[in-house]
Amino acid sequence: MSDYEIKPGTFSLFKNENRTDDNNQPHYNGNGKDMSGNDFQVSAWVTTSKGGKTYFSCKMQEPYKKEANLEIATKTHLEPDLPF
């Protein structure tokens, strides 16, 4: 694993190698840090404007937390609220 650390106020984008023909999936995705040092995810789509110019349409969001979602799913399956 690399020792590279993203600096506050920057992000990195990588080509989405798992993208299918679905337009909802981003062409590029990556991670960054805001100016306060908080992590975020970036998604970018290559888009064409009405005037014919190509540009990136981007979205920033909080990072996906797989372990939190796994814990909820596991707890639901192990402790059902059934009356019998």
PDB file of N, CA and C in Angstrom:
ATOM      1  N   MET A   1       0.838  -1.178   0.000  1.00  0.00           N
ATOM      2  CA  MET A   1       0.000   0.000   0.000  1.00  0.00           C
ATOM      3  C   MET A   1       0.883   1.241   0.000  1.00  0.00           C
ATOM      4  N   SER A   2       0.410   2.263  -0.647  1.00  0.00           N
ATOM      5  CA  SER A   2       1.162   3.492  -0.805  1.00  0.00           C
ATOM      6  C   SER A   2       1.133   4.328   0.481  1.00  0.00           C
ATOM      7  N   ASP A   3       2.159   5.144   0.653  1.00  0.00           N
ATOM      8  CA  ASP A   3       2.224   6.056   1.788  1.00  0.00           C
ATOM      9  C   ASP A   3       1.597   7.413   1.448  1.00  0.00           C
ATOM     10  N   TYR A   4       0.993   7.522   0.259  1.00  0.00           N
ATOM     11  CA  TYR A   4       0.405   8.784  -0.192  1.00  0.00           C
ATOM     12  C   TYR A   4      -0.775   9.179   0.674  1.00  0.00           C
ATOM     13  N   GLU A   5      -0.806  10.420   1.077  1.00  0.00           N
ATOM     14  CA  GLU A   5      -1.921  10.941   1.865  1.00  0.00           C
ATOM     15  C   GLU A   5      -2.483  12.170   1.162  1.00  0.00           C
ATOM     16  N   ILE A   6      -3.795  12.202   1.000  1.00  0.00           N
ATOM     17  CA  ILE A   6      -4.438  13.331   0.346  1.00  0.00           C
ATOM     18  C   ILE A   6      -4.371  14.542   1.270  1.00  0.00           C
ATOM     19  N   LYS A   7      -3.942  15.663   0.724  1.00  0.00           N
ATOM     20  CA  LYS A   7      -3.816  16.887   1.503  1.00  0.00           C
ATOM     21  C   LYS A   7      -5.151  17.622   1.529  1.00  0.00           C
ATOM     22  N   PRO A   8      -5.429  18.380   2.602  1.00  0.00           N
ATOM     23  CA  PRO A   8      -6.681  19.148   2.672  1.00  0.00           C
ATOM     24  C   PRO A   8      -6.837  20.067   1.463  1.00  0.00           C
ATOM     25  N   GLY A   9      -8.068  20.124   0.944  1.00  0.00           N
ATOM     26  CA  GLY A   9      -8.363  20.968  -0.198  1.00  0.00           C
ATOM     27  C   GLY A   9      -8.074  20.325  -1.547  1.00  0.00           C
ATOM     28  N   THR A  10      -7.759  19.015  -1.548  1.00  0.00           N
ATOM     29  CA  THR A  10      -7.450  18.332  -2.800  1.00  0.00           C
ATOM     30  C   THR A  10      -8.241  17.033  -2.917  1.00  0.00           C
ATOM     31  N   PHE A  11      -8.298  16.485  -4.135  1.00  0.00           N
ATOM     32  CA  PHE A  11      -8.892  15.178  -4.363  1.00  0.00           C
ATOM     33  C   PHE A  11      -8.241  14.542  -5.577  1.00  0.00           C
ATOM     34  N   SER A  12      -8.414  13.241  -5.703  1.00  0.00           N
ATOM     35  CA  SER A  12      -7.887  12.482  -6.833  1.00  0.00           C
ATOM     36  C   SER A  12      -9.039  11.760  -7.504  1.00  0.00           C
ATOM     37  N   LEU A  13      -9.009  11.717  -8.850  1.00  0.00           N
ATOM     38  CA  LEU A  13     -10.019  11.001  -9.625  1.00  0.00           C
ATOM     39  C   LEU A  13      -9.355   9.885 -10.409  1.00  0.00           C
ATOM     40  N   PHE A  14     -10.042   8.753 -10.505  1.00  0.00           N
ATOM     41  CA  PHE A  14      -9.559   7.602 -11.256  1.00  0.00           C
ATOM     42  C   PHE A  14     -10.668   7.129 -12.174  1.00  0.00           C
ATOM     43  N   LYS A  15     -10.296   6.626 -13.342  1.00  0.00           N
ATOM     44  CA  LYS A  15     -11.282   6.105 -14.286  1.00  0.00           C
ATOM     45  C   LYS A  15     -12.028   4.950 -13.631  1.00  0.00           C
ATOM     46  N   ASN A  16     -13.349   4.923 -13.764  1.00  0.00           N
ATOM     47  CA  ASN A  16     -14.187   3.874 -13.193  1.00  0.00           C
ATOM     48  C   ASN A  16     -14.117   2.648 -14.109  1.00  0.00           C
ATOM     49  N   GLU A  17     -13.273   1.703 -13.776  1.00  0.00           N
ATOM     50  CA  GLU A  17     -13.060   0.505 -14.591  1.00  0.00           C
ATOM     51  C   GLU A  17     -14.251  -0.445 -14.545  1.00  0.00           C
ATOM     52  N   ASN A  18     -15.157  -0.285 -13.577  1.00  0.00           N
ATOM     53  CA  ASN A  18     -16.313  -1.170 -13.425  1.00  0.00           C
ATOM     54  C   ASN A  18     -17.581  -0.597 -14.051  1.00  0.00           C
ATOM     55  N   ARG A  19     -17.470   0.513 -14.755  1.00  0.00           N
ATOM     56  CA  ARG A  19     -18.640   1.186 -15.331  1.00  0.00           C
ATOM     57  C   ARG A  19     -19.234   0.353 -16.462  1.00  0.00           C
ATOM     58  N   THR A  20     -20.557   0.246 -16.452  1.00  0.00           N
ATOM     59  CA  THR A  20     -21.275  -0.386 -17.560  1.00  0.00           C
ATOM     60  C   THR A  20     -21.847   0.732 -18.429  1.00  0.00           C
ATOM     61  N   ASP A  21     -22.741   0.421 -19.326  1.00  0.00           N
ATOM     62  CA  ASP A  21     -23.340   1.443 -20.192  1.00  0.00           C
ATOM     63  C   ASP A  21     -24.379   2.285 -19.476  1.00  0.00           C
ATOM     64  N   ASP A  22     -24.627   2.006 -18.205  1.00  0.00           N
ATOM     65  CA  ASP A  22     -25.602   2.754 -17.416  1.00  0.00           C
ATOM     66  C   ASP A  22     -25.107   4.184 -17.204  1.00  0.00           C
ATOM     67  N   ASN A  23     -25.886   5.177 -17.622  1.00  0.00           N
ATOM     68  CA  ASN A  23     -25.475   6.575 -17.484  1.00  0.00           C
ATOM     69  C   ASN A  23     -25.454   7.054 -16.038  1.00  0.00           C
ATOM     70  N   ASN A  24     -26.035   6.299 -15.111  1.00  0.00           N
ATOM     71  CA  ASN A  24     -26.028   6.709 -13.706  1.00  0.00           C
ATOM     72  C   ASN A  24     -24.674   6.479 -13.052  1.00  0.00           C
ATOM     73  N   GLN A  25     -23.884   5.577 -13.589  1.00  0.00           N
ATOM     74  CA  GLN A  25     -22.577   5.290 -13.003  1.00  0.00           C
ATOM     75  C   GLN A  25     -21.567   6.332 -13.483  1.00  0.00           C
ATOM     76  N   PRO A  26     -20.735   6.848 -12.574  1.00  0.00           N
ATOM     77  CA  PRO A  26     -19.773   7.876 -12.975  1.00  0.00           C
ATOM     78  C   PRO A  26     -18.659   7.319 -13.869  1.00  0.00           C
ATOM     79  N   HIS A  27     -18.127   8.185 -14.724  1.00  0.00           N
ATOM     80  CA  HIS A  27     -16.977   7.823 -15.554  1.00  0.00           C
ATOM     81  C   HIS A  27     -15.699   7.782 -14.701  1.00  0.00           C
ATOM     82  N   TYR A  28     -15.649   8.663 -13.706  1.00  0.00           N
ATOM     83  CA  TYR A  28     -14.490   8.766 -12.809  1.00  0.00           C
ATOM     84  C   TYR A  28     -14.976   8.841 -11.373  1.00  0.00           C
ATOM     85  N   ASN A  29     -14.185   8.340 -10.432  1.00  0.00           N
ATOM     86  CA  ASN A  29     -14.495   8.485  -9.010  1.00  0.00           C
ATOM     87  C   ASN A  29     -13.196   8.562  -8.226  1.00  0.00           C
ATOM     88  N   GLY A  30     -13.297   9.053  -7.018  1.00  0.00           N
ATOM     89  CA  GLY A  30     -12.103   9.206  -6.191  1.00  0.00           C
ATOM     90  C   GLY A  30     -12.438   9.732  -4.814  1.00  0.00           C
ATOM     91  N   ASN A  31     -11.394  10.130  -4.112  1.00  0.00           N
ATOM     92  CA  ASN A  31     -11.519  10.598  -2.728  1.00  0.00           C
ATOM     93  C   ASN A  31     -10.762  11.902  -2.561  1.00  0.00           C
ATOM     94  N   GLY A  32     -11.157  12.660  -1.531  1.00  0.00           N
ATOM     95  CA  GLY A  32     -10.485  13.911  -1.243  1.00  0.00           C
ATOM     96  C   GLY A  32     -10.671  14.319   0.196  1.00  0.00           C
ATOM     97  N   LYS A  33     -10.132  15.492   0.506  1.00  0.00           N
ATOM     98  CA  LYS A  33     -10.291  16.094   1.833  1.00  0.00           C
ATOM     99  C   LYS A  33     -10.700  17.547   1.632  1.00  0.00           C
ATOM    100  N   ASP A  34     -11.692  17.991   2.434  1.00  0.00           N
ATOM    101  CA  ASP A  34     -12.053  19.396   2.360  1.00  0.00           C
ATOM    102  C   ASP A  34     -10.999  20.226   3.091  1.00  0.00           C
ATOM    103  N   MET A  35     -11.187  21.523   3.130  1.00  0.00           N
ATOM    104  CA  MET A  35     -10.182  22.406   3.738  1.00  0.00           C
ATOM    105  C   MET A  35     -10.017  22.159   5.234  1.00  0.00           C
ATOM    106  N   SER A  36     -11.016  21.530   5.872  1.00  0.00           N
ATOM    107  CA  SER A  36     -10.917  21.209   7.294  1.00  0.00           C
ATOM    108  C   SER A  36     -10.291  19.840   7.539  1.00  0.00           C
ATOM    109  N   GLY A  37      -9.998  19.102   6.461  1.00  0.00           N
ATOM    110  CA  GLY A  37      -9.394  17.784   6.607  1.00  0.00           C
ATOM    111  C   GLY A  37     -10.388  16.640   6.669  1.00  0.00           C
ATOM    112  N   ASN A  38     -11.684  16.927   6.455  1.00  0.00           N
ATOM    113  CA  ASN A  38     -12.706  15.879   6.452  1.00  0.00           C
ATOM    114  C   ASN A  38     -12.707  15.143   5.114  1.00  0.00           C
ATOM    115  N   ASP A  39     -12.846  13.814   5.153  1.00  0.00           N
ATOM    116  CA  ASP A  39     -12.849  13.008   3.937  1.00  0.00           C
ATOM    117  C   ASP A  39     -14.164  13.156   3.174  1.00  0.00           C
ATOM    118  N   PHE A  40     -14.095  13.030   1.842  1.00  0.00           N
ATOM    119  CA  PHE A  40     -15.281  12.992   0.999  1.00  0.00           C
ATOM    120  C   PHE A  40     -14.988  12.163  -0.240  1.00  0.00           C
ATOM    121  N   GLN A  41     -16.056  11.737  -0.919  1.00  0.00           N
ATOM    122  CA  GLN A  41     -15.954  11.004  -2.176  1.00  0.00           C
ATOM    123  C   GLN A  41     -16.339  11.942  -3.314  1.00  0.00           C
ATOM    124  N   VAL A  42     -15.717  11.730  -4.481  1.00  0.00           N
ATOM    125  CA  VAL A  42     -16.018  12.518  -5.666  1.00  0.00           C
ATOM    126  C   VAL A  42     -16.414  11.571  -6.790  1.00  0.00           C
ATOM    127  N   SER A  43     -17.464  11.924  -7.520  1.00  0.00           N
ATOM    128  CA  SER A  43     -17.881  11.189  -8.714  1.00  0.00           C
ATOM    129  C   SER A  43     -17.957  12.195  -9.845  1.00  0.00           C
ATOM    130  N   ALA A  44     -17.531  11.791 -11.060  1.00  0.00           N
ATOM    131  CA  ALA A  44     -17.550  12.702 -12.204  1.00  0.00           C
ATOM    132  C   ALA A  44     -18.055  11.979 -13.447  1.00  0.00           C
ATOM    133  N   TRP A  45     -18.925  12.669 -14.185  1.00  0.00           N
ATOM    134  CA  TRP A  45     -19.465  12.165 -15.438  1.00  0.00           C
ATOM    135  C   TRP A  45     -18.996  13.077 -16.555  1.00  0.00           C
ATOM    136  N   VAL A  46     -18.585  12.519 -17.696  1.00  0.00           N
ATOM    137  CA  VAL A  46     -18.242  13.310 -18.870  1.00  0.00           C
ATOM    138  C   VAL A  46     -19.561  13.614 -19.575  1.00  0.00           C
ATOM    139  N   THR A  47     -19.868  14.889 -19.716  1.00  0.00           N
ATOM    140  CA  THR A  47     -21.163  15.329 -20.219  1.00  0.00           C
ATOM    141  C   THR A  47     -20.974  16.340 -21.348  1.00  0.00           C
ATOM    142  N   THR A  48     -21.967  16.488 -22.192  1.00  0.00           N
ATOM    143  CA  THR A  48     -21.933  17.475 -23.272  1.00  0.00           C
ATOM    144  C   THR A  48     -23.044  18.499 -23.042  1.00  0.00           C
ATOM    145  N   SER A  49     -22.679  19.779 -23.105  1.00  0.00           N
ATOM    146  CA  SER A  49     -23.665  20.846 -22.899  1.00  0.00           C
ATOM    147  C   SER A  49     -24.550  20.988 -24.133  1.00  0.00           C
ATOM    148  N   LYS A  50     -25.619  21.769 -24.006  1.00  0.00           N
ATOM    149  CA  LYS A  50     -26.505  22.029 -25.137  1.00  0.00           C
ATOM    150  C   LYS A  50     -25.761  22.726 -26.272  1.00  0.00           C
ATOM    151  N   GLY A  51     -24.725  23.462 -25.913  1.00  0.00           N
ATOM    152  CA  GLY A  51     -23.907  24.162 -26.912  1.00  0.00           C
ATOM    153  C   GLY A  51     -22.840  23.275 -27.544  1.00  0.00           C
ATOM    154  N   GLY A  52     -22.773  22.006 -27.117  1.00  0.00           N
ATOM    155  CA  GLY A  52     -21.820  21.070 -27.708  1.00  0.00           C
ATOM    156  C   GLY A  52     -20.464  20.997 -27.030  1.00  0.00           C
ATOM    157  N   LYS A  53     -20.276  21.695 -25.918  1.00  0.00           N
ATOM    158  CA  LYS A  53     -19.006  21.650 -25.196  1.00  0.00           C
ATOM    159  C   LYS A  53     -18.998  20.479 -24.223  1.00  0.00           C
ATOM    160  N   THR A  54     -17.872  19.779 -24.135  1.00  0.00           N
ATOM    161  CA  THR A  54     -17.715  18.658 -23.217  1.00  0.00           C
ATOM    162  C   THR A  54     -17.206  19.183 -21.877  1.00  0.00           C
ATOM    163  N   TYR A  55     -17.793  18.678 -20.797  1.00  0.00           N
ATOM    164  CA  TYR A  55     -17.382  19.101 -19.457  1.00  0.00           C
ATOM    165  C   TYR A  55     -17.584  17.962 -18.467  1.00  0.00           C
ATOM    166  N   PHE A  56     -17.057  18.126 -17.253  1.00  0.00           N
ATOM    167  CA  PHE A  56     -17.258  17.175 -16.166  1.00  0.00           C
ATOM    168  C   PHE A  56     -18.422  17.659 -15.306  1.00  0.00           C
ATOM    169  N   SER A  57     -19.372  16.789 -15.052  1.00  0.00           N
ATOM    170  CA  SER A  57     -20.433  17.037 -14.088  1.00  0.00           C
ATOM    171  C   SER A  57     -20.040  16.243 -12.838  1.00  0.00           C
ATOM    172  N   CYS A  58     -19.868  16.917 -11.710  1.00  0.00           N
ATOM    173  CA  CYS A  58     -19.291  16.267 -10.525  1.00  0.00           C
ATOM    174  C   CYS A  58     -20.231  16.310  -9.318  1.00  0.00           C
ATOM    175  N   LYS A  59     -19.997  15.368  -8.420  1.00  0.00           N
ATOM    176  CA  LYS A  59     -20.775  15.269  -7.188  1.00  0.00           C
ATOM    177  C   LYS A  59     -19.818  14.940  -6.039  1.00  0.00           C
ATOM    178  N   MET A  60     -20.006  15.611  -4.902  1.00  0.00           N
ATOM    179  CA  MET A  60     -19.243  15.321  -3.694  1.00  0.00           C
ATOM    180  C   MET A  60     -20.205  14.785  -2.648  1.00  0.00           C
ATOM    181  N   GLN A  61     -19.750  13.797  -1.876  1.00  0.00           N
ATOM    182  CA  GLN A  61     -20.586  13.248  -0.804  1.00  0.00           C
ATOM    183  C   GLN A  61     -19.702  12.644   0.271  1.00  0.00           C
ATOM    184  N   GLU A  62     -20.338  12.345   1.409  1.00  0.00           N
ATOM    185  CA  GLU A  62     -19.608  11.701   2.500  1.00  0.00           C
ATOM    186  C   GLU A  62     -19.154  10.314   2.054  1.00  0.00           C
ATOM    187  N   PRO A  63     -18.019   9.836   2.555  1.00  0.00           N
ATOM    188  CA  PRO A  63     -17.535   8.508   2.161  1.00  0.00           C
ATOM    189  C   PRO A  63     -18.500   7.399   2.555  1.00  0.00           C
ATOM    190  N   TYR A  64     -18.561   6.368   1.735  1.00  0.00           N
ATOM    191  CA  TYR A  64     -19.367   5.186   2.016  1.00  0.00           C
ATOM    192  C   TYR A  64     -18.722   4.416   3.150  1.00  0.00           C
ATOM    193  N   LYS A  65     -19.500   4.047   4.163  1.00  0.00           N
ATOM    194  CA  LYS A  65     -18.969   3.307   5.314  1.00  0.00           C
ATOM    195  C   LYS A  65     -19.525   1.894   5.283  1.00  0.00           C
ATOM    196  N   LYS A  66     -18.783   0.994   4.687  1.00  0.00           N
ATOM    197  CA  LYS A  66     -19.235  -0.380   4.497  1.00  0.00           C
ATOM    198  C   LYS A  66     -19.481  -1.099   5.816  1.00  0.00           C
ATOM    199  N   GLU A  67     -18.592  -0.932   6.789  1.00  0.00           N
ATOM    200  CA  GLU A  67     -18.725  -1.663   8.051  1.00  0.00           C
ATOM    201  C   GLU A  67     -19.985  -1.263   8.816  1.00  0.00           C
ATOM    202  N   ALA A  68     -20.406  -0.013   8.739  1.00  0.00           N
ATOM    203  CA  ALA A  68     -21.621   0.411   9.425  1.00  0.00           C
ATOM    204  C   ALA A  68     -22.845  -0.253   8.802  1.00  0.00           C
ATOM    205  N   ASN A  69     -22.896  -0.312   7.481  1.00  0.00           N
ATOM    206  CA  ASN A  69     -24.024  -0.947   6.799  1.00  0.00           C
ATOM    207  C   ASN A  69     -24.025  -2.448   7.033  1.00  0.00           C
ATOM    208  N   LEU A  70     -22.863  -3.068   7.116  1.00  0.00           N
ATOM    209  CA  LEU A  70     -22.755  -4.498   7.361  1.00  0.00           C
ATOM    210  C   LEU A  70     -23.266  -4.825   8.759  1.00  0.00           C
ATOM    211  N   GLU A  71     -22.951  -3.982   9.727  1.00  0.00           N
ATOM    212  CA  GLU A  71     -23.395  -4.204  11.104  1.00  0.00           C
ATOM    213  C   GLU A  71     -24.922  -4.150  11.198  1.00  0.00           C
ATOM    214  N   ILE A  72     -25.535  -3.204  10.512  1.00  0.00           N
ATOM    215  CA  ILE A  72     -26.993  -3.085  10.522  1.00  0.00           C
ATOM    216  C   ILE A  72     -27.620  -4.315   9.884  1.00  0.00           C
ATOM    217  N   ALA A  73     -27.093  -4.754   8.749  1.00  0.00           N
ATOM    218  CA  ALA A  73     -27.633  -5.926   8.053  1.00  0.00           C
ATOM    219  C   ALA A  73     -27.472  -7.180   8.907  1.00  0.00           C
ATOM    220  N   THR A  74     -26.321  -7.343   9.543  1.00  0.00           N
ATOM    221  CA  THR A  74     -26.069  -8.520  10.375  1.00  0.00           C
ATOM    222  C   THR A  74     -26.996  -8.527  11.578  1.00  0.00           C
ATOM    223  N   LYS A  75     -27.160  -7.384  12.234  1.00  0.00           N
ATOM    224  CA  LYS A  75     -28.013  -7.296  13.413  1.00  0.00           C
ATOM    225  C   LYS A  75     -29.468  -7.606  13.049  1.00  0.00           C
ATOM    226  N   THR A  76     -29.905  -7.135  11.915  1.00  0.00           N
ATOM    227  CA  THR A  76     -31.274  -7.384  11.466  1.00  0.00           C
ATOM    228  C   THR A  76     -31.525  -8.868  11.270  1.00  0.00           C
ATOM    229  N   HIS A  77     -30.539  -9.576  10.719  1.00  0.00           N
ATOM    230  CA  HIS A  77     -30.713 -10.990  10.462  1.00  0.00           C
ATOM    231  C   HIS A  77     -30.591 -11.843  11.725  1.00  0.00           C
ATOM    232  N   LEU A  78     -29.850 -11.387  12.704  1.00  0.00           N
ATOM    233  CA  LEU A  78     -29.635 -12.179  13.914  1.00  0.00           C
ATOM    234  C   LEU A  78     -30.682 -11.929  14.975  1.00  0.00           C
ATOM    235  N   GLU A  79     -31.276 -10.745  14.999  1.00  0.00           N
ATOM    236  CA  GLU A  79     -32.222 -10.406  16.053  1.00  0.00           C
ATOM    237  C   GLU A  79     -33.547  -9.911  15.461  1.00  0.00           C
ATOM    238  N   PRO A  80     -34.306 -10.775  14.828  1.00  0.00           N
ATOM    239  CA  PRO A  80     -35.573 -10.321  14.241  1.00  0.00           C
ATOM    240  C   PRO A  80     -36.612  -9.996  15.312  1.00  0.00           C
ATOM    241  N   ASP A  81     -37.468  -9.040  15.026  1.00  0.00           N
ATOM    242  CA  ASP A  81     -38.559  -8.656  15.920  1.00  0.00           C
ATOM    243  C   ASP A  81     -39.816  -9.425  15.542  1.00  0.00           C
ATOM    244  N   LEU A  82     -39.788 -10.709  15.732  1.00  0.00           N
ATOM    245  CA  LEU A  82     -40.948 -11.529  15.415  1.00  0.00           C
ATOM    246  C   LEU A  82     -41.614 -12.007  16.711  1.00  0.00           C
ATOM    247  N   PRO A  83     -42.940 -12.027  16.761  1.00  0.00           N
ATOM    248  CA  PRO A  83     -43.640 -12.372  17.979  1.00  0.00           C
ATOM    249  C   PRO A  83     -43.643 -13.873  18.292  1.00  0.00           C
ATOM    250  N   PHE A  84     -43.048 -14.700  17.464  1.00  0.00           N
ATOM    251  CA  PHE A  84     -43.044 -16.154  17.714  1.00  0.00           C
ATOM    252  C   PHE A  84     -41.653 -16.716  17.685  1.00  0.00           C
TER     253      PHE A  84
END
